[in-house]
């Protein structure tokens, strides 16, 4: 083996049946990392929009006003029951 071939052989990563250079591994790994970053971004936007929707639903100005009985009426109702 010449020195040039030995240098190339040392740069490659030996697997069971074949060997890969670090550049090939970098190219293979770039796609999944970019997709994961896009997925995380979309997920965070989804969670933020769900939070805003929940906040809008639970905001008090759109809830109906519930008729609460006055304390005197409640006392009269309790007397009728007993």
Protein backbone atom coordinates (compact mmCIF):
# COMPACT_ATOMS: atom_id res chain seq x y z
CA UNK A 1 0.00 0.00 0.00
CA UNK A 2 1.22 3.46 -0.79
CA UNK A 3 1.16 6.29 1.74
CA UNK A 4 -1.78 7.89 -0.06
CA UNK A 5 -3.86 4.71 0.20
CA UNK A 6 -2.94 4.29 3.87
CA UNK A 7 -4.07 7.87 4.61
CA UNK A 8 -7.42 7.26 2.91
CA UNK A 9 -7.82 3.97 4.75
CA UNK A 10 -7.18 5.62 8.12
CA UNK A 11 -9.82 8.30 7.45
CA UNK A 12 -12.53 5.76 6.74
CA UNK A 13 -14.63 4.19 9.46
CA UNK A 14 -14.61 0.42 9.20
CA UNK A 15 -17.94 -1.30 9.60
CA UNK A 16 -18.57 -5.04 9.31
CA UNK A 17 -18.93 -5.33 5.53
CA UNK A 18 -17.91 -1.88 4.29
CA UNK A 19 -16.19 1.31 5.32
CA UNK A 20 -17.45 4.90 5.21
CA UNK A 21 -15.61 8.17 5.22
CA UNK A 22 -16.58 10.86 7.75
CA UNK A 23 -17.86 13.06 4.90
CA UNK A 24 -20.38 10.41 3.88
CA UNK A 25 -21.52 9.97 7.47
CA UNK A 26 -21.92 13.74 7.75
CA UNK A 27 -24.02 13.82 4.58
CA UNK A 28 -26.19 10.96 5.82
CA UNK A 29 -26.70 12.57 9.23
CA UNK A 30 -27.50 16.10 8.00
CA UNK A 31 -30.98 15.30 6.64
CA UNK A 32 -32.41 13.77 9.81
CA UNK A 33 -31.00 16.59 11.95
CA UNK A 34 -32.59 19.24 9.72
CA UNK A 35 -35.91 17.39 9.73
CA UNK A 36 -35.78 17.12 13.51
CA UNK A 37 -35.16 20.86 13.80
CA UNK A 38 -38.13 21.61 11.52
CA UNK A 39 -40.29 19.20 13.51
CA UNK A 40 -39.36 20.82 16.81
CA UNK A 41 -40.15 24.24 15.37
CA UNK A 42 -43.56 23.10 14.10
CA UNK A 43 -44.30 21.39 17.43
CA UNK A 44 -43.45 24.51 19.41
CA UNK A 45 -45.69 26.63 17.17
CA UNK A 46 -48.50 24.09 17.65
CA UNK A 47 -48.13 24.15 21.44
CA UNK A 48 -48.09 27.96 21.41
CA UNK A 49 -51.27 28.15 19.31
CA UNK A 50 -53.02 25.62 21.56
CA UNK A 51 -52.04 27.72 24.58
CA UNK A 52 -53.39 30.88 22.98
CA UNK A 53 -56.65 29.13 22.06
CA UNK A 54 -57.04 27.80 25.59
CA UNK A 55 -56.39 31.24 27.03
CA UNK A 56 -59.03 32.70 24.71
CA UNK A 57 -61.59 30.07 25.72
CA UNK A 58 -60.99 30.50 29.44
CA UNK A 59 -61.01 34.30 29.36
CA UNK A 60 -63.80 35.62 31.59
CA UNK A 61 -65.42 38.22 29.34
CA UNK A 62 -67.07 35.62 27.10
CA UNK A 63 -68.41 33.41 29.86
CA UNK A 64 -72.10 33.76 30.70
CA UNK A 65 -73.08 35.47 33.92
CA UNK A 66 -74.40 32.80 36.25
CA UNK A 67 -77.36 33.68 38.46
CA UNK A 68 -76.24 33.07 42.04
CA UNK A 69 -78.98 32.92 44.67
CA UNK A 70 -78.90 35.64 47.26
CA UNK A 71 -78.07 34.57 50.85
CA UNK A 72 -81.61 35.30 52.09
CA UNK A 73 -83.19 33.11 49.43
CA UNK A 74 -80.78 30.30 50.23
CA UNK A 75 -81.70 30.55 53.92
CA UNK A 76 -85.42 30.40 53.04
CA UNK A 77 -84.87 27.35 50.82
CA UNK A 78 -83.00 25.57 53.63
CA UNK A 79 -85.88 26.29 56.05
CA UNK A 80 -88.43 24.82 53.63
CA UNK A 81 -86.39 21.64 53.23
CA UNK A 82 -85.98 21.04 56.97
